[in-house]
Amino acid sequence: MTTRILTEAAASISELKANPMKVALSAHGEPIAVLNRNEPAFYCIPAETYEFMMDYMEDLELLAIVEQRKSEPSIKVSLNDL
């Protein structure tokens, strides 16, 4: 069975266990596929990339809420009324 690997760089679990920082730095900030028996077990990404992805997903969730509420009627409120 063939499996799609979504990165340019790959490393085995054994390599990762032996020297995790060497593996992480070898991709120069790009994601690394960690392989177990030549199948991707997981992907390692730099912290900065992970933080960007989490922010982006949060933005997408907020956008979905905005799109859902866009057709709701608006209510005018005066600051003096609050």
C-alpha atoms as a PDB file:
ATOM      1  CA  MET A   1       0.000   0.000   0.000  1.00  0.00           C
ATOM      2  CA  THR A   2       1.358   3.415  -0.885  1.00  0.00           C
ATOM      3  CA  THR A   3       0.977   6.345   1.457  1.00  0.00           C
ATOM      4  CA  ARG A   4       1.199   9.978   0.546  1.00  0.00           C
ATOM      5  CA  ILE A   5       3.882  11.894   2.441  1.00  0.00           C
ATOM      6  CA  LEU A   6       3.094  15.590   2.633  1.00  0.00           C
ATOM      7  CA  THR A   7       6.622  16.879   3.259  1.00  0.00           C
ATOM      8  CA  GLU A   8       9.917  17.193   1.454  1.00  0.00           C
ATOM      9  CA  ALA A   9      11.831  15.804   4.461  1.00  0.00           C
ATOM     10  CA  ALA A  10      11.352  12.512   6.261  1.00  0.00           C
ATOM     11  CA  ALA A  11      13.069  10.716   9.122  1.00  0.00           C
ATOM     12  CA  SER A  12      12.590   7.379  10.796  1.00  0.00           C
ATOM     13  CA  ILE A  13      11.421   6.921  14.370  1.00  0.00           C
ATOM     14  CA  SER A  14      14.872   5.474  15.138  1.00  0.00           C
ATOM     15  CA  GLU A  15      16.585   8.623  13.861  1.00  0.00           C
ATOM     16  CA  LEU A  16      14.230  10.789  15.891  1.00  0.00           C
ATOM     17  CA  LYS A  17      14.840   8.782  19.067  1.00  0.00           C
ATOM     18  CA  ALA A  18      18.600   8.882  18.609  1.00  0.00           C
ATOM     19  CA  ASN A  19      18.872  12.647  18.119  1.00  0.00           C
ATOM     20  CA  PRO A  20      15.594  14.614  18.060  1.00  0.00           C
ATOM     21  CA  MET A  21      17.151  18.051  17.709  1.00  0.00           C
ATOM     22  CA  LYS A  22      19.358  16.961  14.813  1.00  0.00           C
ATOM     23  CA  VAL A  23      16.285  15.671  12.984  1.00  0.00           C
ATOM     24  CA  ALA A  24      14.282  18.819  13.753  1.00  0.00           C
ATOM     25  CA  LEU A  25      17.061  21.155  12.618  1.00  0.00           C
ATOM     26  CA  SER A  26      17.854  19.150   9.487  1.00  0.00           C
ATOM     27  CA  ALA A  27      14.691  20.372   7.750  1.00  0.00           C
ATOM     28  CA  HIS A  28      15.618  24.058   8.214  1.00  0.00           C
ATOM     29  CA  GLY A  29      12.208  25.047   9.608  1.00  0.00           C
ATOM     30  CA  GLU A  30      10.127  22.915   7.272  1.00  0.00           C
ATOM     31  CA  PRO A  31       7.839  20.066   8.411  1.00  0.00           C
ATOM     32  CA  ILE A  32       9.271  16.560   8.725  1.00  0.00           C
ATOM     33  CA  ALA A  33       7.370  13.320   8.249  1.00  0.00           C
ATOM     34  CA  VAL A  34       8.370  10.801  10.910  1.00  0.00           C
ATOM     35  CA  LEU A  35       8.124   7.322   9.478  1.00  0.00           C
ATOM     36  CA  ASN A  36       7.388   4.043  11.173  1.00  0.00           C
ATOM     37  CA  ARG A  37       8.039   1.086   8.847  1.00  0.00           C
ATOM     38  CA  ASN A  38       8.102   3.504   5.901  1.00  0.00           C
ATOM     39  CA  GLU A  39       4.651   4.873   6.704  1.00  0.00           C
ATOM     40  CA  PRO A  40       4.132   8.387   8.135  1.00  0.00           C
ATOM     41  CA  ALA A  41       3.399   8.063  11.851  1.00  0.00           C
ATOM     42  CA  PHE A  42       3.239  11.790  12.504  1.00  0.00           C
ATOM     43  CA  TYR A  43       4.596  15.132  11.333  1.00  0.00           C
ATOM     44  CA  CYS A  44       6.984  17.392  13.236  1.00  0.00           C
ATOM     45  CA  ILE A  45       6.609  21.085  12.614  1.00  0.00           C
ATOM     46  CA  PRO A  46       8.383  24.093  14.121  1.00  0.00           C
ATOM     47  CA  ALA A  47       6.613  25.801  17.032  1.00  0.00           C
ATOM     48  CA  GLU A  48       6.177  28.977  14.971  1.00  0.00           C
ATOM     49  CA  THR A  49       4.361  27.023  12.236  1.00  0.00           C
ATOM     50  CA  TYR A  50       2.132  25.277  14.777  1.00  0.00           C
ATOM     51  CA  GLU A  51       1.206  28.597  16.395  1.00  0.00           C
ATOM     52  CA  PHE A  52       0.399  30.062  12.964  1.00  0.00           C
ATOM     53  CA  MET A  53      -1.807  27.058  12.128  1.00  0.00           C
ATOM     54  CA  MET A  54      -3.696  27.321  15.427  1.00  0.00           C
ATOM     55  CA  ASP A  55      -4.291  31.059  14.899  1.00  0.00           C
ATOM     56  CA  TYR A  56      -5.433  30.398  11.328  1.00  0.00           C
ATOM     57  CA  MET A  57      -7.893  27.691  12.422  1.00  0.00           C
ATOM     58  CA  GLU A  58      -9.285  30.012  15.098  1.00  0.00           C
ATOM     59  CA  ASP A  59      -9.727  32.719  12.449  1.00  0.00           C
ATOM     60  CA  LEU A  60     -11.594  30.234  10.225  1.00  0.00           C
ATOM     61  CA  GLU A  61     -13.909  29.303  13.106  1.00  0.00           C
ATOM     62  CA  LEU A  62     -14.609  32.984  13.794  1.00  0.00           C
ATOM     63  CA  LEU A  63     -15.247  33.583  10.097  1.00  0.00           C
ATOM     64  CA  ALA A  64     -17.814  30.775  10.093  1.00  0.00           C
ATOM     65  CA  ILE A  65     -19.585  32.405  13.051  1.00  0.00           C
ATOM     66  CA  VAL A  66     -19.573  35.780  11.271  1.00  0.00           C
ATOM     67  CA  GLU A  67     -20.967  34.238   8.080  1.00  0.00           C
ATOM     68  CA  GLN A  68     -23.672  32.472  10.092  1.00  0.00           C
ATOM     69  CA  ARG A  69     -24.683  35.659  11.916  1.00  0.00           C
ATOM     70  CA  LYS A  70     -24.364  38.004   8.934  1.00  0.00           C
ATOM     71  CA  SER A  71     -28.028  37.647   7.951  1.00  0.00           C
ATOM     72  CA  GLU A  72     -29.345  38.259  11.474  1.00  0.00           C
ATOM     73  CA  PRO A  73     -31.104  41.580  12.018  1.00  0.00           C
ATOM     74  CA  SER A  74     -29.035  44.240  13.740  1.00  0.00           C
ATOM     75  CA  ILE A  75     -30.211  46.134  16.794  1.00  0.00           C
ATOM     76  CA  LYS A  76     -29.224  49.770  17.265  1.00  0.00           C
ATOM     77  CA  VAL A  77     -28.068  50.565  20.776  1.00  0.00           C
ATOM     78  CA  SER A  78     -27.100  53.909  22.245  1.00  0.00           C
ATOM     79  CA  LEU A  79     -24.206  54.075  24.664  1.00  0.00           C
ATOM     80  CA  ASN A  80     -26.395  56.237  26.898  1.00  0.00           C
ATOM     81  CA  ASP A  81     -28.911  53.386  27.121  1.00  0.00           C
ATOM     82  CA  LEU A  82     -26.292  51.072  28.523  1.00  0.00           C
END
